[in-house]
Amino acid sequence: MRVLLELLRIIFIFAILATLLGGIPYAIYSNIGIDTDKYGWTAMIGVFILIFVLYRNKLQFSGWYTGKGREKLPSDVSKTLIISAIILLLSPPILHFLLS
């Protein structure tokens, strides 16, 4: 039962945070005239990577699940994922200006 509750918690965390954090780049990019339908998917992938890192390093320790596999990401992996997420978040304007 705890595993099911934790799975539902993960789904809600990802849905809520992806909606909140994903709306920010879309609003910014649409205000400056970048086609979010064409290039916005890269920003959403970056948002999902950031949420994953946040969950693995902080949020997983406050849930219902207490079994195996509850450990932080190694710092090198966290840094690499965060840098790649930032690059993905900044790529829609670059792609827009390079490909248009």
PDB file of N, CA and C in Angstrom:
ATOM      1  N   MET A   1       0.818  -1.189   0.000  1.00  0.00           N
ATOM      2  CA  MET A   1       0.000   0.000   0.000  1.00  0.00           C
ATOM      3  C   MET A   1       0.870   1.264   0.000  1.00  0.00           C
ATOM      4  N   ARG A   2       2.000   1.233   0.729  1.00  0.00           N
ATOM      5  CA  ARG A   2       2.885   2.395   0.761  1.00  0.00           C
ATOM      6  C   ARG A   2       3.489   2.685  -0.602  1.00  0.00           C
ATOM      7  N   VAL A   3       3.775   1.638  -1.346  1.00  0.00           N
ATOM      8  CA  VAL A   3       4.364   1.831  -2.671  1.00  0.00           C
ATOM      9  C   VAL A   3       3.352   2.518  -3.585  1.00  0.00           C
ATOM     10  N   LEU A   4       2.095   2.101  -3.509  1.00  0.00           N
ATOM     11  CA  LEU A   4       1.049   2.723  -4.315  1.00  0.00           C
ATOM     12  C   LEU A   4       0.851   4.192  -3.933  1.00  0.00           C
ATOM     13  N   LEU A   5       0.847   4.474  -2.637  1.00  0.00           N
ATOM     14  CA  LEU A   5       0.724   5.860  -2.186  1.00  0.00           C
ATOM     15  C   LEU A   5       1.904   6.710  -2.659  1.00  0.00           C
ATOM     16  N   GLU A   6       3.094   6.143  -2.607  1.00  0.00           N
ATOM     17  CA  GLU A   6       4.274   6.876  -3.057  1.00  0.00           C
ATOM     18  C   GLU A   6       4.222   7.108  -4.566  1.00  0.00           C
ATOM     19  N   LEU A   7       3.735   6.131  -5.315  1.00  0.00           N
ATOM     20  CA  LEU A   7       3.602   6.292  -6.760  1.00  0.00           C
ATOM     21  C   LEU A   7       2.610   7.409  -7.092  1.00  0.00           C
ATOM     22  N   LEU A   8       1.489   7.441  -6.397  1.00  0.00           N
ATOM     23  CA  LEU A   8       0.524   8.520  -6.596  1.00  0.00           C
ATOM     24  C   LEU A   8       1.125   9.875  -6.208  1.00  0.00           C
ATOM     25  N   ARG A   9       1.901   9.894  -5.162  1.00  0.00           N
ATOM     26  CA  ARG A   9       2.573  11.118  -4.718  1.00  0.00           C
ATOM     27  C   ARG A   9       3.546  11.610  -5.789  1.00  0.00           C
ATOM     28  N   ILE A  10       4.300  10.701  -6.381  1.00  0.00           N
ATOM     29  CA  ILE A  10       5.235  11.062  -7.447  1.00  0.00           C
ATOM     30  C   ILE A  10       4.484  11.645  -8.641  1.00  0.00           C
ATOM     31  N   ILE A  11       3.383  11.020  -9.015  1.00  0.00           N
ATOM     32  CA  ILE A  11       2.593  11.505 -10.152  1.00  0.00           C
ATOM     33  C   ILE A  11       2.079  12.913  -9.882  1.00  0.00           C
ATOM     34  N   PHE A  12       1.553  13.145  -8.683  1.00  0.00           N
ATOM     35  CA  PHE A  12       1.048  14.479  -8.350  1.00  0.00           C
ATOM     36  C   PHE A  12       2.165  15.511  -8.281  1.00  0.00           C
ATOM     37  N   ILE A  13       3.299  15.138  -7.715  1.00  0.00           N
ATOM     38  CA  ILE A  13       4.434  16.061  -7.649  1.00  0.00           C
ATOM     39  C   ILE A  13       4.874  16.452  -9.054  1.00  0.00           C
ATOM     40  N   PHE A  14       5.043  15.472  -9.930  1.00  0.00           N
ATOM     41  CA  PHE A  14       5.483  15.771 -11.281  1.00  0.00           C
ATOM     42  C   PHE A  14       4.446  16.582 -12.033  1.00  0.00           C
ATOM     43  N   ALA A  15       3.164  16.260 -11.873  1.00  0.00           N
ATOM     44  CA  ALA A  15       2.113  16.989 -12.587  1.00  0.00           C
ATOM     45  C   ALA A  15       2.023  18.431 -12.124  1.00  0.00           C
ATOM     46  N   ILE A  16       2.030  18.650 -10.825  1.00  0.00           N
ATOM     47  CA  ILE A  16       1.893  20.007 -10.303  1.00  0.00           C
ATOM     48  C   ILE A  16       3.135  20.843 -10.614  1.00  0.00           C
ATOM     49  N   LEU A  17       4.308  20.308 -10.331  1.00  0.00           N
ATOM     50  CA  LEU A  17       5.530  21.068 -10.587  1.00  0.00           C
ATOM     51  C   LEU A  17       5.771  21.291 -12.078  1.00  0.00           C
ATOM     52  N   ALA A  18       5.434  20.309 -12.906  1.00  0.00           N
ATOM     53  CA  ALA A  18       5.614  20.485 -14.350  1.00  0.00           C
ATOM     54  C   ALA A  18       4.663  21.556 -14.875  1.00  0.00           C
ATOM     55  N   THR A  19       3.455  21.609 -14.337  1.00  0.00           N
ATOM     56  CA  THR A  19       2.520  22.647 -14.752  1.00  0.00           C
ATOM     57  C   THR A  19       3.016  24.029 -14.328  1.00  0.00           C
ATOM     58  N   LEU A  20       3.452  24.136 -13.076  1.00  0.00           N
ATOM     59  CA  LEU A  20       3.914  25.431 -12.574  1.00  0.00           C
ATOM     60  C   LEU A  20       5.224  25.869 -13.224  1.00  0.00           C
ATOM     61  N   LEU A  21       6.223  24.993 -13.199  1.00  0.00           N
ATOM     62  CA  LEU A  21       7.533  25.343 -13.741  1.00  0.00           C
ATOM     63  C   LEU A  21       7.552  25.364 -15.267  1.00  0.00           C
ATOM     64  N   GLY A  22       6.695  24.582 -15.895  1.00  0.00           N
ATOM     65  CA  GLY A  22       6.644  24.570 -17.358  1.00  0.00           C
ATOM     66  C   GLY A  22       5.954  25.786 -17.931  1.00  0.00           C
ATOM     67  N   GLY A  23       5.077  26.405 -17.157  1.00  0.00           N
ATOM     68  CA  GLY A  23       4.386  27.596 -17.643  1.00  0.00           C
ATOM     69  C   GLY A  23       5.276  28.816 -17.717  1.00  0.00           C
ATOM     70  N   ILE A  24       6.289  28.854 -16.902  1.00  0.00           N
ATOM     71  CA  ILE A  24       7.183  30.022 -16.876  1.00  0.00           C
ATOM     72  C   ILE A  24       7.949  30.181 -18.192  1.00  0.00           C
ATOM     73  N   PRO A  25       8.639  29.135 -18.675  1.00  0.00           N
ATOM     74  CA  PRO A  25       9.333  29.309 -19.967  1.00  0.00           C
ATOM     75  C   PRO A  25       8.367  29.573 -21.121  1.00  0.00           C
ATOM     76  N   TYR A  26       7.201  28.921 -21.109  1.00  0.00           N
ATOM     77  CA  TYR A  26       6.244  29.147 -22.182  1.00  0.00           C
ATOM     78  C   TYR A  26       5.775  30.588 -22.200  1.00  0.00           C
ATOM     79  N   ALA A  27       5.509  31.157 -21.031  1.00  0.00           N
ATOM     80  CA  ALA A  27       5.076  32.552 -20.964  1.00  0.00           C
ATOM     81  C   ALA A  27       6.174  33.489 -21.439  1.00  0.00           C
ATOM     82  N   ILE A  28       7.388  33.247 -21.004  1.00  0.00           N
ATOM     83  CA  ILE A  28       8.516  34.110 -21.407  1.00  0.00           C
ATOM     84  C   ILE A  28       8.763  33.998 -22.906  1.00  0.00           C
ATOM     85  N   TYR A  29       8.801  32.770 -23.408  1.00  0.00           N
ATOM     86  CA  TYR A  29       9.118  32.584 -24.819  1.00  0.00           C
ATOM     87  C   TYR A  29       8.008  33.094 -25.725  1.00  0.00           C
ATOM     88  N   SER A  30       6.762  32.939 -25.333  1.00  0.00           N
ATOM     89  CA  SER A  30       5.681  33.454 -26.172  1.00  0.00           C
ATOM     90  C   SER A  30       5.645  34.976 -26.147  1.00  0.00           C
ATOM     91  N   ASN A  31       6.055  35.597 -25.047  1.00  0.00           N
ATOM     92  CA  ASN A  31       6.106  37.060 -24.981  1.00  0.00           C
ATOM     93  C   ASN A  31       7.193  37.648 -25.869  1.00  0.00           C
ATOM     94  N   ILE A  32       8.279  36.933 -26.062  1.00  0.00           N
ATOM     95  CA  ILE A  32       9.340  37.466 -26.920  1.00  0.00           C
ATOM     96  C   ILE A  32       9.232  36.958 -28.357  1.00  0.00           C
ATOM     97  N   GLY A  33       8.146  36.261 -28.670  1.00  0.00           N
ATOM     98  CA  GLY A  33       7.866  35.879 -30.045  1.00  0.00           C
ATOM     99  C   GLY A  33       8.467  34.579 -30.523  1.00  0.00           C
ATOM    100  N   ILE A  34       8.798  33.689 -29.627  1.00  0.00           N
ATOM    101  CA  ILE A  34       9.359  32.391 -30.010  1.00  0.00           C
ATOM    102  C   ILE A  34       8.218  31.395 -30.120  1.00  0.00           C
ATOM    103  N   ASP A  35       8.242  30.600 -31.174  1.00  0.00           N
ATOM    104  CA  ASP A  35       7.186  29.611 -31.415  1.00  0.00           C
ATOM    105  C   ASP A  35       7.318  28.461 -30.417  1.00  0.00           C
ATOM    106  N   THR A  36       6.478  28.482 -29.373  1.00  0.00           N
ATOM    107  CA  THR A  36       6.566  27.459 -28.333  1.00  0.00           C
ATOM    108  C   THR A  36       6.014  26.116 -28.804  1.00  0.00           C
ATOM    109  N   ASP A  37       5.173  26.124 -29.837  1.00  0.00           N
ATOM    110  CA  ASP A  37       4.686  24.852 -30.364  1.00  0.00           C
ATOM    111  C   ASP A  37       5.793  24.084 -31.059  1.00  0.00           C
ATOM    112  N   LYS A  38       6.713  24.811 -31.653  1.00  0.00           N
ATOM    113  CA  LYS A  38       7.796  24.177 -32.398  1.00  0.00           C
ATOM    114  C   LYS A  38       8.973  23.792 -31.515  1.00  0.00           C
ATOM    115  N   TYR A  39       9.360  24.683 -30.583  1.00  0.00           N
ATOM    116  CA  TYR A  39      10.595  24.489 -29.827  1.00  0.00           C
ATOM    117  C   TYR A  39      10.383  24.340 -28.322  1.00  0.00           C
ATOM    118  N   GLY A  40       9.157  24.438 -27.855  1.00  0.00           N
ATOM    119  CA  GLY A  40       8.892  24.402 -26.424  1.00  0.00           C
ATOM    120  C   GLY A  40       9.113  23.052 -25.778  1.00  0.00           C
ATOM    121  N   TRP A  41       9.127  22.002 -26.569  1.00  0.00           N
ATOM    122  CA  TRP A  41       9.314  20.668 -25.992  1.00  0.00           C
ATOM    123  C   TRP A  41      10.681  20.521 -25.340  1.00  0.00           C
ATOM    124  N   THR A  42      11.676  21.239 -25.833  1.00  0.00           N
ATOM    125  CA  THR A  42      12.998  21.138 -25.211  1.00  0.00           C
ATOM    126  C   THR A  42      12.977  21.739 -23.812  1.00  0.00           C
ATOM    127  N   ALA A  43      12.225  22.824 -23.637  1.00  0.00           N
ATOM    128  CA  ALA A  43      12.105  23.436 -22.313  1.00  0.00           C
ATOM    129  C   ALA A  43      11.379  22.497 -21.354  1.00  0.00           C
ATOM    130  N   MET A  44      10.364  21.797 -21.834  1.00  0.00           N
ATOM    131  CA  MET A  44       9.638  20.872 -20.957  1.00  0.00           C
ATOM    132  C   MET A  44      10.511  19.693 -20.542  1.00  0.00           C
ATOM    133  N   ILE A  45      11.351  19.222 -21.421  1.00  0.00           N
ATOM    134  CA  ILE A  45      12.284  18.154 -21.044  1.00  0.00           C
ATOM    135  C   ILE A  45      13.223  18.658 -19.959  1.00  0.00           C
ATOM    136  N   GLY A  46      13.694  19.890 -20.099  1.00  0.00           N
ATOM    137  CA  GLY A  46      14.543  20.495 -19.071  1.00  0.00           C
ATOM    138  C   GLY A  46      13.824  20.616 -17.741  1.00  0.00           C
ATOM    139  N   VAL A  47      12.549  20.981 -17.768  1.00  0.00           N
ATOM    140  CA  VAL A  47      11.761  21.080 -16.539  1.00  0.00           C
ATOM    141  C   VAL A  47      11.619  19.705 -15.892  1.00  0.00           C
ATOM    142  N   PHE A  48      11.342  18.688 -16.686  1.00  0.00           N
ATOM    143  CA  PHE A  48      11.213  17.339 -16.131  1.00  0.00           C
ATOM    144  C   PHE A  48      12.527  16.845 -15.529  1.00  0.00           C
ATOM    145  N   ILE A  49      13.639  17.170 -16.146  1.00  0.00           N
ATOM    146  CA  ILE A  49      14.936  16.780 -15.584  1.00  0.00           C
ATOM    147  C   ILE A  49      15.161  17.468 -14.243  1.00  0.00           C
ATOM    148  N   LEU A  50      14.828  18.763 -14.160  1.00  0.00           N
ATOM    149  CA  LEU A  50      14.979  19.480 -12.891  1.00  0.00           C
ATOM    150  C   LEU A  50      14.083  18.890 -11.799  1.00  0.00           C
ATOM    151  N   ILE A  51      12.865  18.531 -12.148  1.00  0.00           N
ATOM    152  CA  ILE A  51      11.965  17.926 -11.171  1.00  0.00           C
ATOM    153  C   ILE A  51      12.495  16.573 -10.726  1.00  0.00           C
ATOM    154  N   PHE A  52      13.052  15.799 -11.651  1.00  0.00           N
ATOM    155  CA  PHE A  52      13.633  14.505 -11.306  1.00  0.00           C
ATOM    156  C   PHE A  52      14.774  14.662 -10.302  1.00  0.00           C
ATOM    157  N   VAL A  53      15.661  15.623 -10.562  1.00  0.00           N
ATOM    158  CA  VAL A  53      16.791  15.852  -9.651  1.00  0.00           C
ATOM    159  C   VAL A  53      16.274  16.303  -8.284  1.00  0.00           C
ATOM    160  N   LEU A  54      15.292  17.200  -8.279  1.00  0.00           N
ATOM    161  CA  LEU A  54      14.702  17.657  -7.022  1.00  0.00           C
ATOM    162  C   LEU A  54      14.077  16.498  -6.253  1.00  0.00           C
ATOM    163  N   TYR A  55      13.363  15.630  -6.956  1.00  0.00           N
ATOM    164  CA  TYR A  55      12.737  14.496  -6.277  1.00  0.00           C
ATOM    165  C   TYR A  55      13.781  13.538  -5.710  1.00  0.00           C
ATOM    166  N   ARG A  56      14.765  13.190  -6.524  1.00  0.00           N
ATOM    167  CA  ARG A  56      15.762  12.210  -6.076  1.00  0.00           C
ATOM    168  C   ARG A  56      16.642  12.728  -4.957  1.00  0.00           C
ATOM    169  N   ASN A  57      16.881  14.046  -4.906  1.00  0.00           N
ATOM    170  CA  ASN A  57      17.777  14.576  -3.892  1.00  0.00           C
ATOM    171  C   ASN A  57      17.059  15.097  -2.655  1.00  0.00           C
ATOM    172  N   LYS A  58      15.788  15.439  -2.735  1.00  0.00           N
ATOM    173  CA  LYS A  58      15.091  16.016  -1.586  1.00  0.00           C
ATOM    174  C   LYS A  58      13.760  15.334  -1.279  1.00  0.00           C
ATOM    175  N   LEU A  59      12.876  15.277  -2.268  1.00  0.00           N
ATOM    176  CA  LEU A  59      11.487  14.920  -2.006  1.00  0.00           C
ATOM    177  C   LEU A  59      11.255  13.442  -1.706  1.00  0.00           C
ATOM    178  N   GLN A  60      12.128  12.563  -2.153  1.00  0.00           N
ATOM    179  CA  GLN A  60      11.904  11.140  -1.922  1.00  0.00           C
ATOM    180  C   GLN A  60      12.048  10.748  -0.453  1.00  0.00           C
ATOM    181  N   PHE A  61      12.707  11.577   0.310  1.00  0.00           N
ATOM    182  CA  PHE A  61      12.934  11.245   1.713  1.00  0.00           C
ATOM    183  C   PHE A  61      11.783  11.674   2.618  1.00  0.00           C
ATOM    184  N   SER A  62      10.794  12.356   2.083  1.00  0.00           N
ATOM    185  CA  SER A  62       9.658  12.796   2.890  1.00  0.00           C
ATOM    186  C   SER A  62       8.386  12.032   2.552  1.00  0.00           C
ATOM    187  N   GLY A  63       8.481  10.937   1.810  1.00  0.00           N
ATOM    188  CA  GLY A  63       7.303  10.194   1.384  1.00  0.00           C
ATOM    189  C   GLY A  63       6.999   9.000   2.256  1.00  0.00           C
ATOM    190  N   TRP A  64       6.102   8.159   1.727  1.00  0.00           N
ATOM    191  CA  TRP A  64       5.654   6.981   2.468  1.00  0.00           C
ATOM    192  C   TRP A  64       6.569   5.779   2.284  1.00  0.00           C
ATOM    193  N   TYR A  65       7.278   5.716   1.172  1.00  0.00           N
ATOM    194  CA  TYR A  65       8.095   4.546   0.878  1.00  0.00           C
ATOM    195  C   TYR A  65       9.363   4.568   1.723  1.00  0.00           C
ATOM    196  N   THR A  66       9.665   3.426   2.348  1.00  0.00           N
ATOM    197  CA  THR A  66      10.865   3.337   3.190  1.00  0.00           C
ATOM    198  C   THR A  66      11.750   2.155   2.802  1.00  0.00           C
ATOM    199  N   GLY A  67      11.568   1.621   1.606  1.00  0.00           N
ATOM    200  CA  GLY A  67      12.321   0.449   1.187  1.00  0.00           C
ATOM    201  C   GLY A  67      13.682   0.782   0.614  1.00  0.00           C
ATOM    202  N   LYS A  68      14.192  -0.167  -0.193  1.00  0.00           N
ATOM    203  CA  LYS A  68      15.521  -0.025  -0.788  1.00  0.00           C
ATOM    204  C   LYS A  68      15.507   1.027  -1.898  1.00  0.00           C
ATOM    205  N   GLY A  69      16.681   1.506  -2.235  1.00  0.00           N
ATOM    206  CA  GLY A  69      16.828   2.413  -3.352  1.00  0.00           C
ATOM    207  C   GLY A  69      16.623   3.872  -3.019  1.00  0.00           C
ATOM    208  N   ARG A  70      16.544   4.203  -1.756  1.00  0.00           N
ATOM    209  CA  ARG A  70      16.342   5.597  -1.353  1.00  0.00           C
ATOM    210  C   ARG A  70      17.692   6.237  -1.060  1.00  0.00           C
ATOM    211  N   GLU A  71      18.322   6.734  -2.084  1.00  0.00           N
ATOM    212  CA  GLU A  71      19.583   7.435  -1.888  1.00  0.00           C
ATOM    213  C   GLU A  71      19.665   8.576  -2.882  1.00  0.00           C
ATOM    214  N   LYS A  72      20.447   9.578  -2.526  1.00  0.00           N
ATOM    215  CA  LYS A  72      20.605  10.742  -3.376  1.00  0.00           C
ATOM    216  C   LYS A  72      21.381  10.381  -4.636  1.00  0.00           C
ATOM    217  N   LEU A  73      21.182  11.197  -5.656  1.00  0.00           N
ATOM    218  CA  LEU A  73      22.007  11.052  -6.848  1.00  0.00           C
ATOM    219  C   LEU A  73      23.431  11.481  -6.511  1.00  0.00           C
ATOM    220  N   PRO A  74      24.421  10.866  -7.122  1.00  0.00           N
ATOM    221  CA  PRO A  74      25.788  11.354  -6.917  1.00  0.00           C
ATOM    222  C   PRO A  74      25.906  12.804  -7.386  1.00  0.00           C
ATOM    223  N   SER A  75      26.771  13.566  -6.760  1.00  0.00           N
ATOM    224  CA  SER A  75      26.851  14.994  -7.062  1.00  0.00           C
ATOM    225  C   SER A  75      27.258  15.264  -8.513  1.00  0.00           C
ATOM    226  N   ASP A  76      28.112  14.418  -9.080  1.00  0.00           N
ATOM    227  CA  ASP A  76      28.493  14.593 -10.483  1.00  0.00           C
ATOM    228  C   ASP A  76      27.298  14.397 -11.406  1.00  0.00           C
ATOM    229  N   VAL A  77      26.476  13.412 -11.105  1.00  0.00           N
ATOM    230  CA  VAL A  77      25.275  13.159 -11.907  1.00  0.00           C
ATOM    231  C   VAL A  77      24.293  14.310 -11.746  1.00  0.00           C
ATOM    232  N   SER A  78      24.123  14.788 -10.533  1.00  0.00           N
ATOM    233  CA  SER A  78      23.219  15.917 -10.295  1.00  0.00           C
ATOM    234  C   SER A  78      23.671  17.149 -11.064  1.00  0.00           C
ATOM    235  N   LYS A  79      24.958  17.454 -11.008  1.00  0.00           N
ATOM    236  CA  LYS A  79      25.479  18.623 -11.719  1.00  0.00           C
ATOM    237  C   LYS A  79      25.299  18.476 -13.226  1.00  0.00           C
ATOM    238  N   THR A  80      25.579  17.287 -13.744  1.00  0.00           N
ATOM    239  CA  THR A  80      25.430  17.051 -15.175  1.00  0.00           C
ATOM    240  C   THR A  80      23.977  17.205 -15.607  1.00  0.00           C
ATOM    241  N   LEU A  81      23.053  16.643 -14.825  1.00  0.00           N
ATOM    242  CA  LEU A  81      21.636  16.754 -15.164  1.00  0.00           C
ATOM    243  C   LEU A  81      21.149  18.191 -15.081  1.00  0.00           C
ATOM    244  N   ILE A  82      21.588  18.923 -14.084  1.00  0.00           N
ATOM    245  CA  ILE A  82      21.163  20.320 -13.943  1.00  0.00           C
ATOM    246  C   ILE A  82      21.705  21.175 -15.084  1.00  0.00           C
ATOM    247  N   ILE A  83      22.959  20.959 -15.457  1.00  0.00           N
ATOM    248  CA  ILE A  83      23.537  21.715 -16.573  1.00  0.00           C
ATOM    249  C   ILE A  83      22.817  21.383 -17.879  1.00  0.00           C
ATOM    250  N   SER A  84      22.518  20.113 -18.097  1.00  0.00           N
ATOM    251  CA  SER A  84      21.797  19.745 -19.322  1.00  0.00           C
ATOM    252  C   SER A  84      20.377  20.301 -19.308  1.00  0.00           C
ATOM    253  N   ALA A  85      19.744  20.361 -18.136  1.00  0.00           N
ATOM    254  CA  ALA A  85      18.405  20.944 -18.047  1.00  0.00           C
ATOM    255  C   ALA A  85      18.438  22.437 -18.351  1.00  0.00           C
ATOM    256  N   ILE A  86      19.443  23.134 -17.868  1.00  0.00           N
ATOM    257  CA  ILE A  86      19.571  24.570 -18.153  1.00  0.00           C
ATOM    258  C   ILE A  86      19.803  24.798 -19.648  1.00  0.00           C
ATOM    259  N   ILE A  87      20.628  23.965 -20.250  1.00  0.00           N
ATOM    260  CA  ILE A  87      20.861  24.075 -21.692  1.00  0.00           C
ATOM    261  C   ILE A  87      19.558  23.834 -22.451  1.00  0.00           C
ATOM    262  N   LEU A  88      18.789  22.836 -22.032  1.00  0.00           N
ATOM    263  CA  LEU A  88      17.514  22.571 -22.689  1.00  0.00           C
ATOM    264  C   LEU A  88      16.516  23.708 -22.478  1.00  0.00           C
ATOM    265  N   LEU A  89      16.525  24.321 -21.303  1.00  0.00           N
ATOM    266  CA  LEU A  89      15.627  25.448 -21.045  1.00  0.00           C
ATOM    267  C   LEU A  89      16.001  26.668 -21.885  1.00  0.00           C
ATOM    268  N   LEU A  90      17.269  26.848 -22.174  1.00  0.00           N
ATOM    269  CA  LEU A  90      17.717  27.991 -22.962  1.00  0.00           C
ATOM    270  C   LEU A  90      17.746  27.718 -24.469  1.00  0.00           C
ATOM    271  N   SER A  91      17.491  26.495 -24.889  1.00  0.00           N
ATOM    272  CA  SER A  91      17.607  26.156 -26.300  1.00  0.00           C
ATOM    273  C   SER A  91      16.466  26.656 -27.190  1.00  0.00           C
ATOM    274  N   PRO A  92      15.227  26.846 -26.737  1.00  0.00           N
ATOM    275  CA  PRO A  92      14.208  27.339 -27.679  1.00  0.00           C
ATOM    276  C   PRO A  92      14.547  28.668 -28.357  1.00  0.00           C
ATOM    277  N   PRO A  93      15.046  29.687 -27.640  1.00  0.00           N
ATOM    278  CA  PRO A  93      15.412  30.904 -28.378  1.00  0.00           C
ATOM    279  C   PRO A  93      16.557  30.687 -29.368  1.00  0.00           C
ATOM    280  N   ILE A  94      17.505  29.852 -28.988  1.00  0.00           N
ATOM    281  CA  ILE A  94      18.640  29.576 -29.873  1.00  0.00           C
ATOM    282  C   ILE A  94      18.164  28.857 -31.118  1.00  0.00           C
ATOM    283  N   LEU A  95      17.324  27.839 -30.935  1.00  0.00           N
ATOM    284  CA  LEU A  95      16.782  27.110 -32.088  1.00  0.00           C
ATOM    285  C   LEU A  95      15.923  27.999 -32.958  1.00  0.00           C
ATOM    286  N   HIS A  96      15.143  28.873 -32.336  1.00  0.00           N
ATOM    287  CA  HIS A  96      14.275  29.776 -33.089  1.00  0.00           C
ATOM    288  C   HIS A  96      15.096  30.702 -33.987  1.00  0.00           C
ATOM    289  N   PHE A  97      16.151  31.274 -33.441  1.00  0.00           N
ATOM    290  CA  PHE A  97      16.949  32.211 -34.236  1.00  0.00           C
ATOM    291  C   PHE A  97      17.839  31.507 -35.234  1.00  0.00           C
ATOM    292  N   LEU A  98      18.281  30.298 -34.952  1.00  0.00           N
ATOM    293  CA  LEU A  98      19.127  29.574 -35.886  1.00  0.00           C
ATOM    294  C   LEU A  98      18.334  28.962 -37.048  1.00  0.00           C
ATOM    295  N   LEU A  99      17.128  28.481 -36.768  1.00  0.00           N
ATOM    296  CA  LEU A  99      16.370  27.745 -37.777  1.00  0.00           C
ATOM    297  C   LEU A  99      15.296  28.581 -38.471  1.00  0.00           C
ATOM    298  N   SER A 100      15.114  29.815 -38.046  1.00  0.00           N
ATOM    299  CA  SER A 100      14.081  30.647 -38.699  1.00  0.00           C
ATOM    300  C   SER A 100      14.678  31.629 -39.672  1.00  0.00           C
TER     301      SER A 100
END
